[in-house]
Amino acid sequence: MQILWISHFLLFPETGYGGLQRSRNLLKVLSKYHDIHLVCYYRNNDKIFVPDIKLAEKDLKNYCKNVYIIPHELSNTQKAFRMLKSVVTRTPYSAYIYRSSQLLKESLKLISDKSIDLMHSDTIGMIEPIIDNISIIKVLTHHDIESHKMHRRYENEENLLKRIFFLQEYMALRRYEKKYCVMYDSNIAVSDMDKNRLQEIDKRIKINVIQNGVDCEYFTYYPRDEMSRELIFIGALDYYPNAKAMLYFCDKIWPILKRKYPELRLTIIGKNPPAQLRSLGQDGNDINILGYVEDIRPHMKRATIFICPIMEGGGTRIKILDAFSQGIPVVSTIVGAEGLDLQKGKHILLADTVTEFVDRVSDLLENEELSKSMSLCAREFVEQNYSYNIIGKKMATVYNEMVEKT
C-alpha cells in the first residue's frame, strides 16, 4: 500500500514530546508493511533541536520512500494576525496556525499521480481546505480531542480575557470538528474515552481506536535504586498543561514533601521551560530544571517516582507509558492517567489534591514492596498492551481493511 503521511511536526529525533514519539514509532512500524510518503513541517522550534535538516531527512528515509520537508516559520506578528483572524471568522486558531499553501500544493501533487492509496493527516487543521479534492481514503489522527482540551483550559483559566478567548476557541473547534471529521473515512482516537468524546460531537463520525504506545526496546526495564530519593517529571514545558502542572506541584506539593523528606530531590526535564519555572531551580531547594536533554534514560534510571500532576489537556500520557516501561512507579492525577486501562494500586497511584499527592508519594517512598510490585506490574502491562510493535500492527491492519473495502 502507498500511504501519504502528512505531519504538523518534524518526526525526528528519536525521542521528543509525546505526539512526536507516537507518530514516529507508528510510522516506523507501518513502514515494515507499506510504502510511506512523508510530508512534514520544519518549524522554528524544530530548528532549535535539529539545526541540520539533512540529518533528519537521512534518518527518515530509512523508513519512508519519499520525504518532503516544508519550512513553516511564523513570526509573532503572523501568529497575532492569525489569532485575530480566527476571532473574526470564528475559525479555530489551530486551523490557521497549521495552514500552509505549500503543504496543500505538495499534498495535492502527490495524490494526483494516482499511486497513493491512503492519506493520513496527523492532526486536524492541515488539509481541510482541499478535502473536497481528495478522493482517496482519508484518515485523521486525534492525539487528543482539541475542543475538549480547549474547554478544560477555558474552565481552568482565571484571567478574564484569556477565558473569553478560550471559550471562543472551544466553540470554533467544536464547529470545525463537527463539520470536517465526518468527511474522513476514519478518525483515529487514542482511547475509548476520546472515541466517546468524538461521538458526542457527531454520531456519524467514523472512528477507530489506536492507542498510544511505548518503545519497549528503547525504554528498557531498570530496577529502582533502593537508596534513591528522586522524583522526576518529563514533558515539553512549552506545552501549557505540563508547565502549569509543574508550577502547581512546586508551589503547593513540593514544600510539604521536602519538609517531610529533607533528602528528596526533584528533576524536571522538558524543552523551553517558562521563566517562572526556571527560577525555581535557582533557589537551592533541590529542584533541578534541565530543559531539553537528548537522552532521558540515564535520568530515568536514577528516579524513584515519576510524577504526573496534570489537570488539563487530553489524549493519553505517553510519558506515563515511558515510565512504566522503565519500571518507575507513577503517581498521577486522574486527568493525567485518563484513557489508560490501569488498575489503581497495581499499576499506578492516583491523587487529585495536595494531601493525596503527598500521601501517595509517601506510600512509595516508605513501602519498598509496593514500589517493586508496581514497577514489575507496570512493565508487564505495557509489554502486553502498549508496545508499538503491537499498536503499529493494529494500525496496519485497520488500513489494510479500509483499502480492501474500496
Protein backbone atom coordinates (compact mmCIF):
# COMPACT_ATOMS: atom_id res chain seq x y z
CA MET A 1 0.00 0.00 0.00
CA GLN A 2 1.14 3.56 -0.72
CA ILE A 3 0.46 5.89 2.24
CA LEU A 4 0.78 9.67 2.22
CA TRP A 5 1.56 10.73 5.79
CA ILE A 6 1.13 14.46 6.50
CA SER A 7 2.63 15.69 9.77
CA HIS A 8 2.48 19.07 11.54
CA PHE A 9 5.90 18.49 13.09
CA LEU A 10 9.26 17.02 12.13
CA LEU A 11 9.32 13.30 13.02
CA PHE A 12 12.88 13.48 14.32
CA PRO A 13 14.82 12.94 16.62
CA GLU A 14 14.19 9.56 18.24
CA THR A 15 12.81 10.99 21.45
CA GLY A 16 10.74 14.09 21.93
CA TYR A 17 7.34 15.07 23.23
CA GLY A 18 4.50 12.55 23.24
CA GLY A 19 2.91 13.32 19.86
CA LEU A 20 6.25 13.06 18.10
CA GLN A 21 7.04 9.74 19.78
CA ARG A 22 3.68 8.29 18.81
CA SER A 23 3.79 9.37 15.19
CA ARG A 24 7.42 8.44 14.63
CA ASN A 25 7.08 4.98 16.15
CA LEU A 26 3.83 4.19 14.33
CA LEU A 27 5.39 5.34 11.07
CA LYS A 28 8.40 3.08 11.67
CA VAL A 29 6.18 0.04 12.24
CA LEU A 30 3.88 0.85 9.30
CA SER A 31 6.91 1.14 7.01
CA LYS A 32 7.51 -2.59 7.50
CA TYR A 33 4.22 -3.29 5.73
CA HIS A 34 3.63 -0.30 3.43
CA ASP A 35 5.43 2.44 1.48
CA ILE A 36 5.29 5.77 3.30
CA HIS A 37 5.49 9.14 1.55
CA LEU A 38 6.08 11.74 4.26
CA VAL A 39 5.21 15.42 4.06
CA CYS A 40 6.11 17.31 7.24
CA TYR A 41 6.84 20.77 8.57
CA TYR A 42 10.18 22.13 9.71
CA ARG A 43 9.17 24.75 12.28
CA ASN A 44 11.05 27.34 14.32
CA ASN A 45 11.03 25.05 17.35
CA ASP A 46 12.39 22.16 15.28
CA LYS A 47 15.44 24.24 14.33
CA ILE A 48 16.46 24.54 17.97
CA PHE A 49 16.84 20.77 18.35
CA VAL A 50 17.59 19.85 14.72
CA PRO A 51 19.75 22.64 13.26
CA ASP A 52 20.90 20.39 10.39
CA ILE A 53 17.78 19.30 8.50
CA LYS A 54 19.86 16.89 6.40
CA LEU A 55 20.30 14.64 9.46
CA ALA A 56 16.53 14.39 9.85
CA GLU A 57 16.00 13.74 6.14
CA LYS A 58 18.64 11.00 6.10
CA ASP A 59 17.12 9.33 9.15
CA LEU A 60 13.52 9.50 7.88
CA LYS A 61 14.49 7.98 4.54
CA ASN A 62 15.27 4.79 6.45
CA TYR A 63 11.51 4.41 6.88
CA CYS A 64 9.95 6.49 4.10
CA LYS A 65 10.03 6.04 0.36
CA ASN A 66 9.93 9.81 -0.09
CA VAL A 67 10.43 12.67 2.38
CA TYR A 68 9.22 16.21 1.70
CA ILE A 69 10.19 18.71 4.41
CA ILE A 70 8.41 22.07 4.23
CA PRO A 71 9.66 25.12 6.18
CA HIS A 72 6.87 26.54 8.33
CA GLU A 73 8.05 29.70 10.08
CA LEU A 74 5.59 32.07 11.70
CA SER A 75 6.65 35.35 13.29
CA ASN A 76 4.89 36.68 16.37
CA THR A 77 3.20 39.23 14.12
CA GLN A 78 1.89 36.48 11.83
CA LYS A 79 0.64 34.50 14.82
CA ALA A 80 -1.13 37.56 16.21
CA PHE A 81 -2.76 38.22 12.82
CA ARG A 82 -3.96 34.63 12.57
CA MET A 83 -5.32 34.80 16.09
CA LEU A 84 -7.28 37.93 15.23
CA LYS A 85 -8.46 36.31 12.00
CA SER A 86 -9.70 33.28 13.94
CA VAL A 87 -11.82 35.51 16.18
CA VAL A 88 -13.30 37.44 13.24
CA THR A 89 -14.01 34.37 11.08
CA ARG A 90 -14.98 32.07 14.01
CA THR A 91 -12.47 29.55 12.65
CA PRO A 92 -10.12 27.83 15.14
CA TYR A 93 -6.74 29.46 15.63
CA SER A 94 -5.18 25.97 15.45
CA ALA A 95 -6.59 25.57 11.92
CA TYR A 96 -4.83 28.77 10.82
CA ILE A 97 -1.59 28.04 12.66
CA TYR A 98 -1.13 24.76 10.72
CA ARG A 99 -2.21 26.21 7.37
CA SER A 100 0.39 26.23 4.57
CA SER A 101 -0.24 26.72 0.86
CA GLN A 102 3.00 24.88 0.10
CA LEU A 103 1.90 21.84 2.12
CA LEU A 104 -1.51 21.80 0.42
CA LYS A 105 0.08 22.11 -3.01
CA GLU A 106 2.62 19.34 -2.36
CA SER A 107 -0.04 17.02 -0.95
CA LEU A 108 -2.37 17.50 -3.92
CA LYS A 109 0.52 16.91 -6.30
CA LEU A 110 1.35 13.57 -4.65
CA ILE A 111 -2.30 12.48 -4.56
CA SER A 112 -2.90 13.42 -8.20
CA ASP A 113 -0.42 10.91 -9.60
CA LYS A 114 -2.95 8.16 -8.71
CA SER A 115 -0.44 5.93 -6.88
CA ILE A 116 -1.38 6.92 -3.30
CA ASP A 117 -3.94 4.59 -1.70
CA LEU A 118 -4.48 6.33 1.64
CA MET A 119 -3.82 9.77 3.12
CA HIS A 120 -3.04 10.07 6.84
CA SER A 121 -3.30 13.56 8.37
CA ASP A 122 -1.64 13.69 11.77
CA THR A 123 -3.84 16.42 13.23
CA ILE A 124 -6.94 18.43 12.40
CA GLY A 125 -6.41 21.82 10.76
CA MET A 126 -3.92 20.99 7.99
CA ILE A 127 -5.69 19.70 4.88
CA GLU A 128 -9.38 20.60 5.29
CA PRO A 129 -9.20 23.39 2.63
CA ILE A 130 -8.55 20.73 -0.04
CA ILE A 131 -10.51 17.84 1.45
CA ASP A 132 -13.19 18.02 -1.26
CA ASN A 133 -10.47 17.44 -3.87
CA ILE A 134 -9.19 14.26 -2.22
CA SER A 135 -10.95 11.14 -3.48
CA ILE A 136 -8.66 8.53 -1.90
CA ILE A 137 -9.14 7.12 1.63
CA LYS A 138 -8.71 9.91 4.18
CA VAL A 139 -7.65 9.29 7.80
CA LEU A 140 -7.34 11.86 10.57
CA THR A 141 -5.48 11.33 13.84
CA HIS A 142 -6.64 12.96 17.09
CA HIS A 143 -3.78 12.96 19.60
CA ASP A 144 -6.47 14.35 21.87
CA ILE A 145 -9.84 15.91 21.15
CA GLU A 146 -8.93 19.54 20.55
CA SER A 147 -12.29 21.04 21.51
CA HIS A 148 -12.43 19.05 24.74
CA LYS A 149 -8.88 20.10 25.64
CA MET A 150 -9.72 23.75 24.94
CA HIS A 151 -12.87 23.55 27.08
CA ARG A 152 -10.79 22.31 30.00
CA ARG A 153 -8.41 25.21 29.52
CA TYR A 154 -11.35 27.63 29.48
CA GLU A 155 -12.71 26.14 32.71
CA ASN A 156 -9.35 26.40 34.50
CA GLU A 157 -8.33 29.87 33.28
CA GLU A 158 -8.59 32.72 35.80
CA ASN A 159 -7.68 35.63 33.51
CA LEU A 160 -10.96 37.01 32.11
CA LEU A 161 -9.66 38.00 28.65
CA LYS A 162 -7.94 34.64 28.17
CA ARG A 163 -11.03 32.87 29.42
CA ILE A 164 -13.16 34.63 26.80
CA PHE A 165 -10.68 33.72 24.05
CA PHE A 166 -10.51 30.06 25.12
CA LEU A 167 -14.30 29.84 25.17
CA GLN A 168 -14.43 31.27 21.65
CA GLU A 169 -11.71 28.86 20.50
CA TYR A 170 -13.53 25.91 22.09
CA MET A 171 -16.76 26.75 20.27
CA ALA A 172 -14.89 27.28 16.98
CA LEU A 173 -13.10 23.94 17.35
CA ARG A 174 -16.35 22.16 18.15
CA ARG A 175 -17.97 23.53 14.97
CA TYR A 176 -14.87 22.71 12.94
CA GLU A 177 -14.70 19.13 14.21
CA LYS A 178 -18.42 18.62 13.58
CA LYS A 179 -18.09 19.91 10.01
CA TYR A 180 -14.93 18.10 8.92
CA CYS A 181 -14.50 14.90 10.96
CA VAL A 182 -17.46 13.30 9.15
CA MET A 183 -15.60 13.83 5.85
CA TYR A 184 -12.81 11.43 6.84
CA ASP A 185 -13.11 7.71 6.20
CA SER A 186 -11.67 7.10 9.64
CA ASN A 187 -10.81 9.22 12.66
CA ILE A 188 -8.07 7.69 14.82
CA ALA A 189 -8.64 8.21 18.56
CA VAL A 190 -6.05 7.21 21.16
CA SER A 191 -8.55 5.84 23.69
CA ASP A 192 -12.17 4.74 24.07
CA MET A 193 -12.69 7.87 26.16
CA ASP A 194 -11.65 10.08 23.24
CA LYS A 195 -13.77 7.96 20.90
CA ASN A 196 -16.81 8.72 23.06
CA ARG A 197 -15.94 12.43 23.04
CA LEU A 198 -15.86 12.42 19.23
CA GLN A 199 -19.17 10.58 19.03
CA GLU A 200 -20.73 13.22 21.29
CA ILE A 201 -19.81 15.81 18.65
CA ASP A 202 -21.46 13.82 15.84
CA LYS A 203 -22.52 10.18 15.90
CA ARG A 204 -21.81 9.92 12.15
CA ILE A 205 -18.06 10.27 12.70
CA LYS A 206 -16.26 7.02 11.78
CA ILE A 207 -13.74 6.14 14.49
CA ASN A 208 -11.01 3.58 15.10
CA VAL A 209 -9.09 3.43 18.38
CA ILE A 210 -5.32 3.09 18.03
CA GLN A 211 -3.81 3.57 21.48
CA ASN A 212 -0.65 5.45 22.33
CA GLY A 213 2.31 3.19 22.90
CA VAL A 214 5.88 2.85 24.06
CA ASP A 215 9.11 1.58 22.51
CA CYS A 216 9.84 -1.21 24.99
CA GLU A 217 13.19 -1.94 23.33
CA TYR A 218 14.40 1.65 23.71
CA PHE A 219 12.91 2.19 27.19
CA THR A 220 14.16 -0.98 28.85
CA TYR A 221 13.26 -2.10 32.36
CA TYR A 222 15.64 -0.97 35.11
CA PRO A 223 15.20 -1.90 38.81
CA ARG A 224 14.92 1.08 41.14
CA ASP A 225 17.84 2.03 43.39
CA GLU A 226 16.54 1.48 46.92
CA MET A 227 18.70 4.34 48.22
CA SER A 228 17.50 6.87 45.64
CA ARG A 229 15.16 9.68 46.72
CA GLU A 230 14.40 11.49 43.49
CA LEU A 231 11.12 12.48 41.86
CA ILE A 232 11.07 13.14 38.14
CA PHE A 233 8.78 14.73 35.57
CA ILE A 234 9.41 14.69 31.82
CA GLY A 235 7.32 16.58 29.29
CA ALA A 236 7.51 19.53 26.89
CA LEU A 237 7.39 22.61 29.10
CA ASP A 238 6.20 24.92 26.33
CA TYR A 239 3.01 22.84 26.40
CA TYR A 240 0.69 24.72 28.74
CA PRO A 241 -0.78 21.77 30.73
CA ASN A 242 2.73 20.47 31.54
CA ALA A 243 4.11 23.84 32.63
CA LYS A 244 1.04 24.66 34.72
CA ALA A 245 1.16 21.22 36.38
CA MET A 246 4.78 21.60 37.46
CA LEU A 247 4.32 25.17 38.70
CA TYR A 248 1.41 23.90 40.80
CA PHE A 249 3.44 20.95 42.09
CA CYS A 250 6.45 23.09 43.01
CA ASP A 251 4.29 25.68 44.74
CA LYS A 252 1.80 23.52 46.62
CA ILE A 253 3.13 19.96 46.97
CA TRP A 254 6.93 20.11 46.87
CA PRO A 255 7.40 22.23 50.05
CA ILE A 256 5.40 19.71 52.11
CA LEU A 257 7.29 16.74 50.70
CA LYS A 258 10.64 18.49 51.22
CA ARG A 259 9.87 19.15 54.89
CA LYS A 260 8.85 15.54 55.34
CA TYR A 261 11.81 14.10 53.39
CA PRO A 262 14.73 16.59 53.52
CA GLU A 263 16.88 14.35 51.29
CA LEU A 264 14.30 14.34 48.47
CA ARG A 265 15.21 15.86 45.09
CA LEU A 266 13.07 16.83 42.10
CA THR A 267 14.20 16.72 38.46
CA ILE A 268 12.12 18.39 35.76
CA ILE A 269 13.02 17.72 32.11
CA GLY A 270 11.40 19.31 29.08
CA LYS A 271 12.09 21.79 26.32
CA ASN A 272 11.54 25.51 26.72
CA PRO A 273 10.68 25.77 30.45
CA PRO A 274 9.00 29.11 31.26
CA ALA A 275 10.99 31.71 33.20
CA GLN A 276 8.87 31.22 36.32
CA LEU A 277 9.76 27.54 36.39
CA ARG A 278 13.45 28.09 35.59
CA SER A 279 13.71 30.47 38.54
CA LEU A 280 12.59 27.69 40.91
CA GLY A 281 15.72 25.73 40.05
CA GLN A 282 17.92 28.57 41.33
CA ASP A 283 16.66 28.72 44.90
CA GLY A 284 18.72 25.91 46.44
CA ASN A 285 15.62 23.82 47.10
CA ASP A 286 16.84 20.65 45.34
CA ILE A 287 14.73 21.34 42.23
CA ASN A 288 16.75 20.66 39.08
CA ILE A 289 15.34 22.18 35.86
CA LEU A 290 17.22 20.57 32.98
CA GLY A 291 15.26 21.75 29.94
CA TYR A 292 15.68 19.55 26.86
CA VAL A 293 18.02 16.56 27.02
CA GLU A 294 18.87 14.27 24.12
CA ASP A 295 18.60 11.05 26.13
CA ILE A 296 16.27 10.93 29.13
CA ARG A 297 17.08 7.33 30.07
CA PRO A 298 20.06 8.00 32.40
CA HIS A 299 17.90 10.44 34.35
CA MET A 300 15.01 7.98 34.48
CA LYS A 301 17.31 5.28 35.86
CA ARG A 302 18.09 7.42 38.91
CA ALA A 303 14.49 8.33 39.65
CA THR A 304 12.42 6.80 42.43
CA ILE A 305 8.97 8.02 41.36
CA PHE A 306 7.55 9.60 38.22
CA ILE A 307 5.02 12.33 38.97
CA CYS A 308 2.22 13.47 36.65
CA PRO A 309 0.22 16.25 38.38
CA ILE A 310 -1.57 17.29 35.17
CA MET A 311 -5.06 18.79 35.45
CA GLU A 312 -5.69 19.77 31.82
CA GLY A 313 -5.14 18.56 28.25
CA GLY A 314 -6.42 15.38 26.70
CA GLY A 315 -5.45 12.15 24.96
CA THR A 316 -3.31 9.71 26.92
CA ARG A 317 0.05 10.44 28.52
CA ILE A 318 2.86 8.76 26.63
CA LYS A 319 5.15 9.96 29.42
CA ILE A 320 3.38 7.55 31.81
CA LEU A 321 3.85 4.63 29.42
CA ASP A 322 7.54 5.51 29.05
CA ALA A 323 7.92 5.49 32.84
CA PHE A 324 6.12 2.16 33.11
CA SER A 325 8.40 0.63 30.52
CA GLN A 326 11.45 1.60 32.58
CA GLY A 327 9.98 0.32 35.82
CA ILE A 328 9.36 3.66 37.52
CA PRO A 329 6.32 3.77 39.83
CA VAL A 330 3.94 6.59 38.88
CA VAL A 331 1.79 8.96 40.94
CA SER A 332 -0.68 10.84 38.75
CA THR A 333 -3.85 12.85 38.83
CA ILE A 334 -6.95 11.19 37.41
CA VAL A 335 -6.81 13.51 34.39
CA GLY A 336 -3.14 12.68 33.87
CA ALA A 337 -3.86 8.95 33.71
CA GLU A 338 -7.15 9.06 31.81
CA GLY A 339 -7.61 6.91 28.73
CA LEU A 340 -5.26 4.18 30.00
CA ASP A 341 -6.82 0.93 31.24
CA LEU A 342 -4.98 0.94 34.58
CA GLN A 343 -5.71 -0.62 37.93
CA LYS A 344 -5.31 1.79 40.81
CA GLY A 345 -2.82 0.47 43.34
CA LYS A 346 -1.47 -2.16 40.96
CA HIS A 347 -0.15 -0.15 38.01
CA ILE A 348 -0.42 3.41 39.30
CA LEU A 349 -1.31 5.54 42.33
CA LEU A 350 -3.82 8.37 41.82
CA ALA A 351 -4.03 11.69 43.64
CA ASP A 352 -6.05 14.83 42.90
CA THR A 353 -5.43 17.00 45.96
CA VAL A 354 -2.28 18.27 47.65
CA THR A 355 -2.81 15.92 50.61
CA GLU A 356 -3.48 12.92 48.37
CA PHE A 357 -0.37 13.61 46.30
CA VAL A 358 1.83 13.88 49.39
CA ASP A 359 0.33 10.68 50.81
CA ARG A 360 0.75 8.66 47.61
CA VAL A 361 4.38 9.74 47.15
CA SER A 362 4.98 8.87 50.80
CA ASP A 363 3.42 5.43 50.26
CA LEU A 364 6.02 4.64 47.61
CA LEU A 365 8.96 6.13 49.49
CA GLU A 366 8.12 4.21 52.65
CA ASN A 367 6.87 0.91 51.19
CA GLU A 368 9.60 -0.82 49.21
CA GLU A 369 7.42 -3.85 48.41
CA LEU A 370 4.68 -1.66 46.94
CA SER A 371 7.24 0.17 44.82
CA LYS A 372 8.74 -3.08 43.49
CA SER A 373 5.35 -4.63 42.81
CA MET A 374 4.11 -1.60 40.87
CA SER A 375 7.36 -1.43 38.94
CA LEU A 376 7.06 -5.02 37.71
CA CYS A 377 3.32 -4.87 37.03
CA ALA A 378 3.65 -1.65 35.05
CA ARG A 379 6.39 -3.06 32.82
CA GLU A 380 4.38 -6.23 32.17
CA PHE A 381 1.33 -4.09 31.43
CA VAL A 382 2.98 -2.05 28.67
CA GLU A 383 4.71 -5.09 27.14
CA GLN A 384 1.37 -6.86 26.75
CA ASN A 385 -0.80 -3.90 25.77
CA TYR A 386 1.13 -0.84 24.64
CA SER A 387 4.27 -1.93 22.79
CA TYR A 388 4.49 -0.02 19.49
CA ASN A 389 5.02 -3.33 17.69
CA ILE A 390 1.52 -4.34 18.80
CA ILE A 391 -0.06 -0.90 18.26
CA GLY A 392 1.62 -0.45 14.87
CA LYS A 393 0.42 -3.83 13.60
CA LYS A 394 -3.10 -2.91 14.67
CA MET A 395 -2.92 0.31 12.66
CA ALA A 396 -1.55 -1.55 9.62
CA THR A 397 -4.46 -4.00 9.86
CA VAL A 398 -7.01 -1.16 10.06
CA TYR A 399 -5.51 0.50 6.98
CA ASN A 400 -5.44 -2.78 5.05
CA GLU A 401 -9.10 -3.40 5.79
CA MET A 402 -10.06 0.10 4.67
CA VAL A 403 -8.27 -0.26 1.34
CA GLU A 404 -9.70 -3.74 0.74
CA LYS A 405 -13.24 -2.36 1.16
CA THR A 406 -12.81 0.23 -1.58
